[in-house]
PDB file of N, CA and C in Angstrom:
ATOM      1  N   UNK A   1      -1.702 -62.010-104.904  1.00  0.00           N
ATOM      2  CA  UNK A   1      -1.752 -61.882-103.184  1.00  0.00           C
ATOM      3  C   UNK A   1      -3.115 -62.272-102.775  1.00  0.00           C
ATOM      4  N   UNK A   2      -3.309 -62.582-101.684  1.00  0.00           N
ATOM      5  CA  UNK A   2      -4.573 -63.211-101.208  1.00  0.00           C
ATOM      6  C   UNK A   2      -5.676 -62.771-101.445  1.00  0.00           C
ATOM      7  N   UNK A   3      -6.580 -62.940-101.527  1.00  0.00           N
ATOM      8  CA  UNK A   3      -8.000 -62.007-101.984  1.00  0.00           C
ATOM      9  C   UNK A   3      -8.121 -61.853-100.359  1.00  0.00           C
ATOM     10  N   UNK A   4      -8.473 -62.622 -99.618  1.00  0.00           N
ATOM     11  CA  UNK A   4      -8.215 -61.967 -97.752  1.00  0.00           C
ATOM     12  C   UNK A   4      -7.857 -60.463 -97.826  1.00  0.00           C
ATOM     13  N   UNK A   5      -6.544 -60.663 -98.264  1.00  0.00           N
ATOM     14  CA  UNK A   5      -5.837 -59.221 -97.698  1.00  0.00           C
ATOM     15  C   UNK A   5      -6.042 -58.426 -98.581  1.00  0.00           C
ATOM     16  N   UNK A   6      -6.848 -58.946-100.225  1.00  0.00           N
ATOM     17  CA  UNK A   6      -6.489 -57.692-101.076  1.00  0.00           C
ATOM     18  C   UNK A   6      -8.130 -56.892-100.440  1.00  0.00           C
ATOM     19  N   UNK A   7      -9.032 -57.600-100.048  1.00  0.00           N
ATOM     20  CA  UNK A   7     -10.022 -57.364 -99.560  1.00  0.00           C
ATOM     21  C   UNK A   7      -9.990 -56.308 -97.922  1.00  0.00           C
ATOM     22  N   UNK A   8      -8.780 -56.623 -97.576  1.00  0.00           N
ATOM     23  CA  UNK A   8      -9.104 -55.488 -96.181  1.00  0.00           C
ATOM     24  C   UNK A   8      -8.213 -54.608 -96.913  1.00  0.00           C
ATOM     25  N   UNK A   9      -7.305 -54.424 -98.135  1.00  0.00           N
ATOM     26  CA  UNK A   9      -6.792 -53.294 -98.333  1.00  0.00           C
ATOM     27  C   UNK A   9      -7.758 -52.460 -99.047  1.00  0.00           C
ATOM     28  N   UNK A  10      -8.393 -53.286 -99.981  1.00  0.00           N
ATOM     29  CA  UNK A  10      -9.876 -52.470-100.717  1.00  0.00           C
ATOM     30  C   UNK A  10     -10.549 -51.754 -99.502  1.00  0.00           C
ATOM     31  N   UNK A  11     -10.724 -52.359 -98.450  1.00  0.00           N
ATOM     32  CA  UNK A  11     -11.601 -51.571 -97.828  1.00  0.00           C
ATOM     33  C   UNK A  11     -11.378 -50.366 -96.517  1.00  0.00           C
ATOM     34  N   UNK A  12     -10.176 -50.879 -96.240  1.00  0.00           N
ATOM     35  CA  UNK A  12      -9.357 -50.139 -95.595  1.00  0.00           C
ATOM     36  C   UNK A  12      -9.129 -48.438 -96.031  1.00  0.00           C
ATOM     37  N   UNK A  13      -8.750 -48.844 -97.816  1.00  0.00           N
ATOM     38  CA  UNK A  13      -8.851 -47.537 -98.793  1.00  0.00           C
ATOM     39  C   UNK A  13      -9.610 -46.867 -98.820  1.00  0.00           C
ATOM     40  N   UNK A  14     -10.739 -47.506 -99.176  1.00  0.00           N
ATOM     41  CA  UNK A  14     -11.843 -47.101 -99.334  1.00  0.00           C
ATOM     42  C   UNK A  14     -12.505 -46.065 -98.150  1.00  0.00           C
ATOM     43  N   UNK A  15     -12.609 -46.750 -96.989  1.00  0.00           N
ATOM     44  CA  UNK A  15     -13.035 -46.111 -95.852  1.00  0.00           C
ATOM     45  C   UNK A  15     -11.841 -44.545 -95.414  1.00  0.00           C
ATOM     46  N   UNK A  16     -10.745 -44.425 -95.721  1.00  0.00           N
ATOM     47  CA  UNK A  16      -9.347 -43.450 -95.381  1.00  0.00           C
ATOM     48  C   UNK A  16     -10.555 -42.499 -96.672  1.00  0.00           C
ATOM     49  N   UNK A  17     -10.469 -42.641 -97.986  1.00  0.00           N
ATOM     50  CA  UNK A  17     -10.697 -42.301 -98.485  1.00  0.00           C
ATOM     51  C   UNK A  17     -12.260 -41.364 -98.294  1.00  0.00           C
ATOM     52  N   UNK A  18     -13.230 -41.779 -98.093  1.00  0.00           N
ATOM     53  CA  UNK A  18     -14.361 -41.550 -97.704  1.00  0.00           C
ATOM     54  C   UNK A  18     -14.518 -40.996 -96.624  1.00  0.00           C
ATOM     55  N   UNK A  19     -13.762 -40.931 -95.862  1.00  0.00           N
ATOM     56  CA  UNK A  19     -13.708 -39.885 -94.507  1.00  0.00           C
ATOM     57  C   UNK A  19     -12.969 -39.092 -94.556  1.00  0.00           C
ATOM     58  N   UNK A  20     -11.864 -38.780 -95.636  1.00  0.00           N
ATOM     59  CA  UNK A  20     -10.818 -38.292 -95.960  1.00  0.00           C
ATOM     60  C   UNK A  20     -12.168 -36.986 -96.823  1.00  0.00           C
ATOM     61  N   UNK A  21     -12.921 -37.692 -97.573  1.00  0.00           N
ATOM     62  CA  UNK A  21     -13.831 -36.556 -98.692  1.00  0.00           C
ATOM     63  C   UNK A  21     -15.142 -35.914 -98.050  1.00  0.00           C
ATOM     64  N   UNK A  22     -15.215 -36.471 -96.544  1.00  0.00           N
ATOM     65  CA  UNK A  22     -16.242 -35.902 -95.007  1.00  0.00           C
ATOM     66  C   UNK A  22     -15.859 -35.135 -94.721  1.00  0.00           C
ATOM     67  N   UNK A  23     -14.692 -35.007 -94.741  1.00  0.00           N
ATOM     68  CA  UNK A  23     -14.282 -33.903 -93.847  1.00  0.00           C
ATOM     69  C   UNK A  23     -13.805 -32.865 -94.903  1.00  0.00           C
ATOM     70  N   UNK A  24     -13.354 -32.979 -95.848  1.00  0.00           N
ATOM     71  CA  UNK A  24     -13.482 -31.941 -96.931  1.00  0.00           C
ATOM     72  C   UNK A  24     -13.927 -31.846 -97.426  1.00  0.00           C
ATOM     73  N   UNK A  25     -15.201 -31.935 -97.722  1.00  0.00           N
ATOM     74  CA  UNK A  25     -17.014 -31.509 -98.558  1.00  0.00           C
ATOM     75  C   UNK A  25     -17.052 -30.876 -97.102  1.00  0.00           C
ATOM     76  N   UNK A  26     -17.860 -31.464 -96.062  1.00  0.00           N
ATOM     77  CA  UNK A  26     -18.517 -30.994 -95.058  1.00  0.00           C
ATOM     78  C   UNK A  26     -18.362 -29.774 -95.032  1.00  0.00           C
ATOM     79  N   UNK A  27     -19.314 -28.722 -95.034  1.00  0.00           N
ATOM     80  CA  UNK A  27     -20.107 -27.568 -94.519  1.00  0.00           C
ATOM     81  C   UNK A  27     -20.264 -27.191 -93.276  1.00  0.00           C
ATOM     82  N   UNK A  28     -19.294 -26.509 -92.492  1.00  0.00           N
ATOM     83  CA  UNK A  28     -19.480 -26.117 -90.854  1.00  0.00           C
ATOM     84  C   UNK A  28     -19.879 -25.015 -90.843  1.00  0.00           C
ATOM     85  N   UNK A  29     -21.153 -24.467 -90.083  1.00  0.00           N
ATOM     86  CA  UNK A  29     -21.895 -23.538 -90.186  1.00  0.00           C
ATOM     87  C   UNK A  29     -22.097 -23.269 -88.650  1.00  0.00           C
ATOM     88  N   UNK A  30     -21.673 -23.567 -87.872  1.00  0.00           N
ATOM     89  CA  UNK A  30     -22.437 -23.651 -86.746  1.00  0.00           C
ATOM     90  C   UNK A  30     -22.644 -22.231 -85.936  1.00  0.00           C
ATOM     91  N   UNK A  31     -23.955 -21.913 -85.888  1.00  0.00           N
ATOM     92  CA  UNK A  31     -24.880 -20.858 -84.507  1.00  0.00           C
ATOM     93  C   UNK A  31     -25.315 -21.279 -83.777  1.00  0.00           C
ATOM     94  N   UNK A  32     -26.376 -20.328 -83.012  1.00  0.00           N
ATOM     95  CA  UNK A  32     -26.825 -20.305 -81.604  1.00  0.00           C
ATOM     96  C   UNK A  32     -28.012 -21.243 -81.790  1.00  0.00           C
ATOM     97  N   UNK A  33     -28.913 -21.618 -82.755  1.00  0.00           N
ATOM     98  CA  UNK A  33     -29.433 -22.903 -83.054  1.00  0.00           C
ATOM     99  C   UNK A  33     -28.994 -24.302 -82.800  1.00  0.00           C
ATOM    100  N   UNK A  34     -27.819 -24.060 -83.741  1.00  0.00           N
ATOM    101  CA  UNK A  34     -27.006 -25.851 -84.227  1.00  0.00           C
ATOM    102  C   UNK A  34     -26.414 -26.259 -82.596  1.00  0.00           C
ATOM    103  N   UNK A  35     -25.486 -25.242 -82.224  1.00  0.00           N
ATOM    104  CA  UNK A  35     -24.816 -25.423 -80.596  1.00  0.00           C
ATOM    105  C   UNK A  35     -25.675 -26.028 -79.771  1.00  0.00           C
ATOM    106  N   UNK A  36     -27.210 -25.258 -79.980  1.00  0.00           N
ATOM    107  CA  UNK A  36     -28.191 -25.527 -78.625  1.00  0.00           C
ATOM    108  C   UNK A  36     -28.295 -26.938 -78.375  1.00  0.00           C
ATOM    109  N   UNK A  37     -28.392 -27.378 -77.274  1.00  0.00           N
ATOM    110  CA  UNK A  37     -28.716 -28.669 -76.879  1.00  0.00           C
ATOM    111  C   UNK A  37     -29.924 -29.125 -77.243  1.00  0.00           C
ATOM    112  N   UNK A  38     -31.004 -28.081 -77.505  1.00  0.00           N
ATOM    113  CA  UNK A  38     -32.486 -28.652 -78.112  1.00  0.00           C
ATOM    114  C   UNK A  38     -32.513 -27.688 -79.051  1.00  0.00           C
ATOM    115  N   UNK A  39     -33.237 -28.787 -80.124  1.00  0.00           N
ATOM    116  CA  UNK A  39     -33.166 -28.605 -81.757  1.00  0.00           C
ATOM    117  C   UNK A  39     -34.916 -28.846 -82.121  1.00  0.00           C
ATOM    118  N   UNK A  40     -35.656 -28.742 -81.164  1.00  0.00           N
ATOM    119  CA  UNK A  40     -36.837 -30.150 -81.374  1.00  0.00           C
ATOM    120  C   UNK A  40     -37.879 -28.238 -81.959  1.00  0.00           C
ATOM    121  N   UNK A  41     -37.387 -27.088 -81.625  1.00  0.00           N
ATOM    122  CA  UNK A  41     -38.514 -26.262 -82.075  1.00  0.00           C
ATOM    123  C   UNK A  41     -38.760 -25.295 -80.709  1.00  0.00           C
ATOM    124  N   UNK A  42     -38.418 -25.876 -79.404  1.00  0.00           N
ATOM    125  CA  UNK A  42     -38.966 -24.634 -78.813  1.00  0.00           C
ATOM    126  C   UNK A  42     -38.009 -24.006 -77.444  1.00  0.00           C
ATOM    127  N   UNK A  43     -38.015 -23.526 -76.578  1.00  0.00           N
ATOM    128  CA  UNK A  43     -36.938 -22.943 -75.268  1.00  0.00           C
ATOM    129  C   UNK A  43     -36.787 -23.788 -74.749  1.00  0.00           C
ATOM    130  N   UNK A  44     -35.503 -24.047 -73.802  1.00  0.00           N
ATOM    131  CA  UNK A  44     -35.520 -25.077 -72.800  1.00  0.00           C
ATOM    132  C   UNK A  44     -36.283 -24.391 -71.592  1.00  0.00           C
ATOM    133  N   UNK A  45     -37.459 -25.267 -70.737  1.00  0.00           N
ATOM    134  CA  UNK A  45     -38.076 -24.897 -69.796  1.00  0.00           C
ATOM    135  C   UNK A  45     -37.529 -24.822 -68.299  1.00  0.00           C
ATOM    136  N   UNK A  46     -36.300 -26.174 -68.352  1.00  0.00           N
ATOM    137  CA  UNK A  46     -35.519 -26.697 -66.974  1.00  0.00           C
ATOM    138  C   UNK A  46     -33.965 -26.492 -67.469  1.00  0.00           C
ATOM    139  N   UNK A  47     -33.301 -27.067 -66.255  1.00  0.00           N
ATOM    140  CA  UNK A  47     -31.747 -27.697 -66.715  1.00  0.00           C
ATOM    141  C   UNK A  47     -31.988 -28.567 -67.632  1.00  0.00           C
ATOM    142  N   UNK A  48     -31.118 -28.551 -68.568  1.00  0.00           N
ATOM    143  CA  UNK A  48     -30.648 -30.169 -69.158  1.00  0.00           C
ATOM    144  C   UNK A  48     -29.749 -31.173 -68.520  1.00  0.00           C
ATOM    145  N   UNK A  49     -29.191 -30.635 -66.886  1.00  0.00           N
ATOM    146  CA  UNK A  49     -28.469 -31.462 -66.424  1.00  0.00           C
ATOM    147  C   UNK A  49     -29.690 -32.598 -65.104  1.00  0.00           C
ATOM    148  N   UNK A  50     -30.937 -32.259 -65.465  1.00  0.00           N
ATOM    149  CA  UNK A  50     -31.555 -33.457 -64.159  1.00  0.00           C
ATOM    150  C   UNK A  50     -31.454 -34.734 -64.307  1.00  0.00           C
ATOM    151  N   UNK A  51     -30.987 -35.434 -63.285  1.00  0.00           N
ATOM    152  CA  UNK A  51     -30.977 -36.737 -63.742  1.00  0.00           C
ATOM    153  C   UNK A  51     -32.073 -37.528 -64.372  1.00  0.00           C
ATOM    154  N   UNK A  52     -32.132 -39.041 -64.904  1.00  0.00           N
ATOM    155  CA  UNK A  52     -33.273 -39.623 -65.516  1.00  0.00           C
ATOM    156  C   UNK A  52     -33.605 -40.251 -63.988  1.00  0.00           C
ATOM    157  N   UNK A  53     -34.726 -40.214 -64.413  1.00  0.00           N
ATOM    158  CA  UNK A  53     -35.318 -40.969 -63.511  1.00  0.00           C
ATOM    159  C   UNK A  53     -35.365 -43.217 -63.420  1.00  0.00           C
ATOM    160  N   UNK A  54     -35.170 -43.095 -62.539  1.00  0.00           N
ATOM    161  CA  UNK A  54     -34.872 -44.652 -62.148  1.00  0.00           C
ATOM    162  C   UNK A  54     -35.696 -45.650 -63.374  1.00  0.00           C
ATOM    163  N   UNK A  55     -36.747 -45.233 -63.461  1.00  0.00           N
ATOM    164  CA  UNK A  55     -37.875 -45.770 -63.989  1.00  0.00           C
ATOM    165  C   UNK A  55     -37.422 -46.083 -65.597  1.00  0.00           C
ATOM    166  N   UNK A  56     -36.549 -45.234 -65.786  1.00  0.00           N
ATOM    167  CA  UNK A  56     -35.916 -45.389 -67.220  1.00  0.00           C
ATOM    168  C   UNK A  56     -34.978 -46.183 -67.488  1.00  0.00           C
ATOM    169  N   UNK A  57     -34.311 -46.330 -66.506  1.00  0.00           N
ATOM    170  CA  UNK A  57     -33.411 -47.555 -66.688  1.00  0.00           C
ATOM    171  C   UNK A  57     -33.828 -48.908 -66.158  1.00  0.00           C
ATOM    172  N   UNK A  58     -34.928 -48.501 -65.620  1.00  0.00           N
ATOM    173  CA  UNK A  58     -35.293 -50.048 -65.540  1.00  0.00           C
ATOM    174  C   UNK A  58     -35.830 -50.816 -66.719  1.00  0.00           C
ATOM    175  N   UNK A  59     -36.724 -49.689 -67.553  1.00  0.00           N
ATOM    176  CA  UNK A  59     -37.538 -50.364 -68.927  1.00  0.00           C
ATOM    177  C   UNK A  59     -36.410 -50.316 -69.854  1.00  0.00           C
ATOM    178  N   UNK A  60     -35.470 -49.794 -69.847  1.00  0.00           N
ATOM    179  CA  UNK A  60     -34.440 -50.323 -70.824  1.00  0.00           C
ATOM    180  C   UNK A  60     -33.627 -51.351 -70.695  1.00  0.00           C
ATOM    181  N   UNK A  61     -33.385 -51.879 -69.827  1.00  0.00           N
ATOM    182  CA  UNK A  61     -33.235 -52.802 -68.840  1.00  0.00           C
ATOM    183  C   UNK A  61     -33.834 -54.283 -69.434  1.00  0.00           C
ATOM    184  N   UNK A  62     -34.785 -53.748 -69.231  1.00  0.00           N
ATOM    185  CA  UNK A  62     -36.225 -54.750 -69.162  1.00  0.00           C
ATOM    186  C   UNK A  62     -36.132 -55.370 -71.168  1.00  0.00           C
ATOM    187  N   UNK A  63     -35.811 -54.112 -71.993  1.00  0.00           N
ATOM    188  CA  UNK A  63     -36.063 -54.185 -73.207  1.00  0.00           C
ATOM    189  C   UNK A  63     -34.433 -54.414 -73.664  1.00  0.00           C
ATOM    190  N   UNK A  64     -33.460 -54.898 -72.968  1.00  0.00           N
ATOM    191  CA  UNK A  64     -32.051 -55.479 -73.234  1.00  0.00           C
ATOM    192  C   UNK A  64     -32.227 -56.622 -73.226  1.00  0.00           C
ATOM    193  N   UNK A  65     -33.341 -57.161 -71.746  1.00  0.00           N
ATOM    194  CA  UNK A  65     -33.104 -58.177 -71.511  1.00  0.00           C
ATOM    195  C   UNK A  65     -34.152 -59.200 -72.380  1.00  0.00           C
ATOM    196  N   UNK A  66     -34.748 -58.394 -72.984  1.00  0.00           N
ATOM    197  CA  UNK A  66     -35.855 -59.683 -73.792  1.00  0.00           C
ATOM    198  C   UNK A  66     -35.500 -59.548 -75.469  1.00  0.00           C
ATOM    199  N   UNK A  67     -35.084 -58.244 -75.719  1.00  0.00           N
ATOM    200  CA  UNK A  67     -33.823 -58.055 -76.959  1.00  0.00           C
ATOM    201  C   UNK A  67     -33.277 -59.372 -77.023  1.00  0.00           C
ATOM    202  N   UNK A  68     -32.613 -60.173 -75.604  1.00  0.00           N
ATOM    203  CA  UNK A  68     -31.611 -61.036 -75.930  1.00  0.00           C
ATOM    204  C   UNK A  68     -31.647 -62.411 -76.045  1.00  0.00           C
ATOM    205  N   UNK A  69     -33.387 -62.252 -75.153  1.00  0.00           N
ATOM    206  CA  UNK A  69     -33.625 -63.093 -75.563  1.00  0.00           C
ATOM    207  C   UNK A  69     -34.159 -63.719 -76.710  1.00  0.00           C
ATOM    208  N   UNK A  70     -34.300 -62.547 -77.998  1.00  0.00           N
ATOM    209  CA  UNK A  70     -34.754 -62.998 -79.223  1.00  0.00           C
ATOM    210  C   UNK A  70     -33.624 -63.301 -79.757  1.00  0.00           C
ATOM    211  N   UNK A  71     -32.504 -63.096 -78.938  1.00  0.00           N
ATOM    212  CA  UNK A  71     -30.907 -63.150 -79.409  1.00  0.00           C
ATOM    213  C   UNK A  71     -30.744 -64.889 -79.450  1.00  0.00           C
ATOM    214  N   UNK A  72     -31.350 -65.049 -77.793  1.00  0.00           N
ATOM    215  CA  UNK A  72     -31.017 -66.376 -77.658  1.00  0.00           C
ATOM    216  C   UNK A  72     -31.850 -67.553 -78.766  1.00  0.00           C
ATOM    217  N   UNK A  73     -33.150 -66.905 -78.923  1.00  0.00           N
ATOM    218  CA  UNK A  73     -33.879 -68.049 -79.714  1.00  0.00           C
ATOM    219  C   UNK A  73     -33.709 -67.711 -80.813  1.00  0.00           C
ATOM    220  N   UNK A  74     -33.310 -67.241 -81.262  1.00  0.00           N
ATOM    221  CA  UNK A  74     -33.443 -66.986 -83.230  1.00  0.00           C
ATOM    222  C   UNK A  74     -32.733 -68.095 -83.706  1.00  0.00           C
ATOM    223  N   UNK A  75     -31.794 -68.908 -83.308  1.00  0.00           N
ATOM    224  CA  UNK A  75     -31.284 -70.297 -83.904  1.00  0.00           C
ATOM    225  C   UNK A  75     -32.005 -71.123 -83.662  1.00  0.00           C
ATOM    226  N   UNK A  76     -33.346 -71.169 -83.031  1.00  0.00           N
ATOM    227  CA  UNK A  76     -34.157 -72.432 -82.566  1.00  0.00           C
ATOM    228  C   UNK A  76     -34.421 -73.140 -83.879  1.00  0.00           C
ATOM    229  N   UNK A  77     -35.227 -72.366 -84.638  1.00  0.00           N
ATOM    230  CA  UNK A  77     -35.782 -73.609 -86.146  1.00  0.00           C
ATOM    231  C   UNK A  77     -34.795 -74.334 -86.238  1.00  0.00           C
ATOM    232  N   UNK A  78     -33.489 -73.589 -86.655  1.00  0.00           N
ATOM    233  CA  UNK A  78     -32.161 -74.663 -87.225  1.00  0.00           C
ATOM    234  C   UNK A  78     -31.702 -75.533 -85.765  1.00  0.00           C
ATOM    235  N   UNK A  79     -32.268 -75.266 -84.610  1.00  0.00           N
ATOM    236  CA  UNK A  79     -31.277 -76.407 -83.477  1.00  0.00           C
ATOM    237  C   UNK A  79     -32.703 -77.460 -83.425  1.00  0.00           C
ATOM    238  N   UNK A  80     -33.472 -77.164 -83.804  1.00  0.00           N
ATOM    239  CA  UNK A  80     -34.901 -78.197 -84.103  1.00  0.00           C
ATOM    240  C   UNK A  80     -34.495 -79.411 -85.006  1.00  0.00           C
ATOM    241  N   UNK A  81     -33.333 -79.442 -85.925  1.00  0.00           N
ATOM    242  CA  UNK A  81     -32.898 -80.290 -87.092  1.00  0.00           C
ATOM    243  C   UNK A  81     -31.649 -81.239 -85.976  1.00  0.00           C
ATOM    244  N   UNK A  82     -31.372 -80.724 -84.570  1.00  0.00           N
ATOM    245  CA  UNK A  82     -30.184 -81.813 -84.040  1.00  0.00           C
ATOM    246  C   UNK A  82     -31.027 -83.272 -83.514  1.00  0.00           C
ATOM    247  N   UNK A  83     -30.006 -83.874 -82.947  1.00  0.00           N
ATOM    248  CA  UNK A  83     -30.765 -85.265 -82.880  1.00  0.00           C
ATOM    249  C   UNK A  83     -31.305 -85.142 -81.942  1.00  0.00           C
ATOM    250  N   UNK A  84     -31.481 -84.364 -80.844  1.00  0.00           N
ATOM    251  CA  UNK A  84     -32.240 -84.731 -80.032  1.00  0.00           C
ATOM    252  C   UNK A  84     -32.881 -82.727 -79.760  1.00  0.00           C
ATOM    253  N   UNK A  85     -34.035 -83.067 -80.452  1.00  0.00           N
ATOM    254  CA  UNK A  85     -34.423 -81.621 -80.627  1.00  0.00           C
ATOM    255  C   UNK A  85     -35.560 -81.229 -79.500  1.00  0.00           C
ATOM    256  N   UNK A  86     -35.785 -82.303 -78.825  1.00  0.00           N
ATOM    257  CA  UNK A  86     -36.449 -82.694 -77.352  1.00  0.00           C
ATOM    258  C   UNK A  86     -35.617 -81.579 -76.422  1.00  0.00           C
ATOM    259  N   UNK A  87     -34.303 -81.809 -76.543  1.00  0.00           N
ATOM    260  CA  UNK A  87     -34.035 -81.139 -75.154  1.00  0.00           C
ATOM    261  C   UNK A  87     -33.914 -79.664 -75.692  1.00  0.00           C
ATOM    262  N   UNK A  88     -33.652 -79.619 -76.967  1.00  0.00           N
ATOM    263  CA  UNK A  88     -33.680 -78.082 -77.698  1.00  0.00           C
ATOM    264  C   UNK A  88     -34.761 -77.139 -77.236  1.00  0.00           C
ATOM    265  N   UNK A  89     -35.838 -78.045 -77.117  1.00  0.00           N
ATOM    266  CA  UNK A  89     -37.298 -77.393 -76.648  1.00  0.00           C
ATOM    267  C   UNK A  89     -37.710 -77.418 -75.448  1.00  0.00           C
ATOM    268  N   UNK A  90     -36.659 -77.698 -74.310  1.00  0.00           N
ATOM    269  CA  UNK A  90     -36.859 -77.805 -73.234  1.00  0.00           C
ATOM    270  C   UNK A  90     -36.584 -77.125 -72.726  1.00  0.00           C
ATOM    271  N   UNK A  91     -35.051 -76.853 -73.136  1.00  0.00           N
ATOM    272  CA  UNK A  91     -34.070 -75.855 -72.780  1.00  0.00           C
ATOM    273  C   UNK A  91     -34.979 -74.074 -73.276  1.00  0.00           C
ATOM    274  N   UNK A  92     -35.311 -74.562 -73.977  1.00  0.00           N
ATOM    275  CA  UNK A  92     -36.159 -73.075 -74.916  1.00  0.00           C
ATOM    276  C   UNK A  92     -37.430 -72.988 -74.024  1.00  0.00           C
ATOM    277  N   UNK A  93     -37.982 -73.822 -73.926  1.00  0.00           N
ATOM    278  CA  UNK A  93     -38.970 -73.391 -72.472  1.00  0.00           C
ATOM    279  C   UNK A  93     -38.653 -73.076 -71.268  1.00  0.00           C
ATOM    280  N   UNK A  94     -37.598 -73.493 -70.706  1.00  0.00           N
ATOM    281  CA  UNK A  94     -37.191 -72.756 -69.384  1.00  0.00           C
ATOM    282  C   UNK A  94     -36.886 -71.950 -69.307  1.00  0.00           C
ATOM    283  N   UNK A  95     -36.232 -71.327 -70.618  1.00  0.00           N
ATOM    284  CA  UNK A  95     -35.938 -69.896 -70.691  1.00  0.00           C
ATOM    285  C   UNK A  95     -37.016 -69.232 -70.779  1.00  0.00           C
ATOM    286  N   UNK A  96     -37.766 -69.281 -71.523  1.00  0.00           N
ATOM    287  CA  UNK A  96     -38.814 -68.741 -72.328  1.00  0.00           C
ATOM    288  C   UNK A  96     -39.806 -68.587 -70.329  1.00  0.00           C
ATOM    289  N   UNK A  97     -39.992 -69.619 -69.592  1.00  0.00           N
ATOM    290  CA  UNK A  97     -40.408 -70.121 -68.387  1.00  0.00           C
ATOM    291  C   UNK A  97     -39.813 -68.307 -67.343  1.00  0.00           C
ATOM    292  N   UNK A  98     -38.502 -68.930 -67.214  1.00  0.00           N
ATOM    293  CA  UNK A  98     -38.089 -67.652 -66.366  1.00  0.00           C
ATOM    294  C   UNK A  98     -37.956 -66.342 -66.600  1.00  0.00           C
ATOM    295  N   UNK A  99     -37.600 -66.178 -67.623  1.00  0.00           N
ATOM    296  CA  UNK A  99     -38.018 -64.905 -68.517  1.00  0.00           C
ATOM    297  C   UNK A  99     -39.644 -63.876 -68.076  1.00  0.00           C
ATOM    298  N   UNK A 100     -40.817 -65.012 -68.622  1.00  0.00           N
ATOM    299  CA  UNK A 100     -42.166 -65.396 -67.951  1.00  0.00           C
ATOM    300  C   UNK A 100     -41.865 -64.583 -66.836  1.00  0.00           C
ATOM    301  N   UNK A 101     -41.381 -65.299 -65.980  1.00  0.00           N
ATOM    302  CA  UNK A 101     -41.779 -65.688 -64.037  1.00  0.00           C
ATOM    303  C   UNK A 101     -41.167 -63.990 -63.936  1.00  0.00           C
ATOM    304  N   UNK A 102     -39.938 -63.543 -64.516  1.00  0.00           N
ATOM    305  CA  UNK A 102     -39.039 -62.298 -64.134  1.00  0.00           C
ATOM    306  C   UNK A 102     -39.963 -61.338 -64.246  1.00  0.00           C
ATOM    307  N   UNK A 103     -40.808 -61.090 -65.602  1.00  0.00           N
ATOM    308  CA  UNK A 103     -41.733 -60.273 -65.959  1.00  0.00           C
ATOM    309  C   UNK A 103     -42.602 -60.170 -64.925  1.00  0.00           C
ATOM    310  N   UNK A 104     -43.330 -61.393 -64.954  1.00  0.00           N
ATOM    311  CA  UNK A 104     -44.265 -61.243 -63.708  1.00  0.00           C
ATOM    312  C   UNK A 104     -43.987 -61.080 -62.326  1.00  0.00           C
ATOM    313  N   UNK A 105     -43.227 -61.188 -61.848  1.00  0.00           N
ATOM    314  CA  UNK A 105     -42.369 -60.921 -60.916  1.00  0.00           C
ATOM    315  C   UNK A 105     -42.441 -58.958 -60.483  1.00  0.00           C
ATOM    316  N   UNK A 106     -41.667 -58.843 -61.514  1.00  0.00           N
ATOM    317  CA  UNK A 106     -41.592 -57.334 -61.719  1.00  0.00           C
ATOM    318  C   UNK A 106     -42.967 -56.530 -62.213  1.00  0.00           C
ATOM    319  N   UNK A 107     -43.780 -56.948 -62.404  1.00  0.00           N
ATOM    320  CA  UNK A 107     -44.537 -56.538 -62.991  1.00  0.00           C
ATOM    321  C   UNK A 107     -45.612 -56.307 -61.567  1.00  0.00           C
ATOM    322  N   UNK A 108     -45.346 -57.606 -60.802  1.00  0.00           N
ATOM    323  CA  UNK A 108     -46.245 -58.155 -59.556  1.00  0.00           C
ATOM    324  C   UNK A 108     -46.047 -56.795 -58.380  1.00  0.00           C
ATOM    325  N   UNK A 109     -44.386 -56.344 -57.915  1.00  0.00           N
ATOM    326  CA  UNK A 109     -43.928 -55.260 -57.268  1.00  0.00           C
ATOM    327  C   UNK A 109     -44.007 -54.388 -57.839  1.00  0.00           C
ATOM    328  N   UNK A 110     -44.571 -53.787 -58.906  1.00  0.00           N
ATOM    329  CA  UNK A 110     -45.108 -52.392 -59.252  1.00  0.00           C
ATOM    330  C   UNK A 110     -43.735 -51.827 -60.091  1.00  0.00           C
ATOM    331  N   UNK A 111     -42.833 -52.490 -60.597  1.00  0.00           N
ATOM    332  CA  UNK A 111     -41.585 -51.974 -61.313  1.00  0.00           C
ATOM    333  C   UNK A 111     -41.853 -51.583 -62.523  1.00  0.00           C
ATOM    334  N   UNK A 112     -43.052 -51.784 -63.198  1.00  0.00           N
ATOM    335  CA  UNK A 112     -43.120 -51.059 -64.872  1.00  0.00           C
ATOM    336  C   UNK A 112     -44.481 -49.995 -64.561  1.00  0.00           C
ATOM    337  N   UNK A 113     -44.788 -49.125 -63.156  1.00  0.00           N
ATOM    338  CA  UNK A 113     -45.758 -47.974 -63.459  1.00  0.00           C
ATOM    339  C   UNK A 113     -44.610 -47.218 -63.100  1.00  0.00           C
ATOM    340  N   UNK A 114     -45.383 -46.070 -64.102  1.00  0.00           N
ATOM    341  CA  UNK A 114     -44.516 -44.585 -63.997  1.00  0.00           C
ATOM    342  C   UNK A 114     -45.047 -44.083 -63.443  1.00  0.00           C
ATOM    343  N   UNK A 115     -45.917 -43.647 -63.004  1.00  0.00           N
ATOM    344  CA  UNK A 115     -46.977 -43.117 -61.918  1.00  0.00           C
ATOM    345  C   UNK A 115     -47.226 -43.630 -60.681  1.00  0.00           C
ATOM    346  N   UNK A 116     -47.126 -43.221 -59.696  1.00  0.00           N
ATOM    347  CA  UNK A 116     -47.087 -43.999 -58.368  1.00  0.00           C
ATOM    348  C   UNK A 116     -48.586 -43.511 -57.540  1.00  0.00           C
TER     349      UNK A 116
END
């Protein structure tokens, strides 16, 4: 039997067994505290259906953008070993400069301020 097929069969079998054990051994004791959307120790003060502020989404998008920047810059130490490291460093500098200019623009427009 091929090694890859064997590993796929073993991992699938193990996943099915562990999932079945979880459903079989789990203790389900629902009560009003567990079914409540608030489990932090105090009673809800208002409706849980209030919309999020647009500022929350802006900060989340900025986090994703800079997280993506780190993912793009991760192979940089290995890329400097290529035949044209100056080209690699030029593109990296352009990427960092573009993201920095975007952050400065957003900051200058007041998009990162929580209170107005």
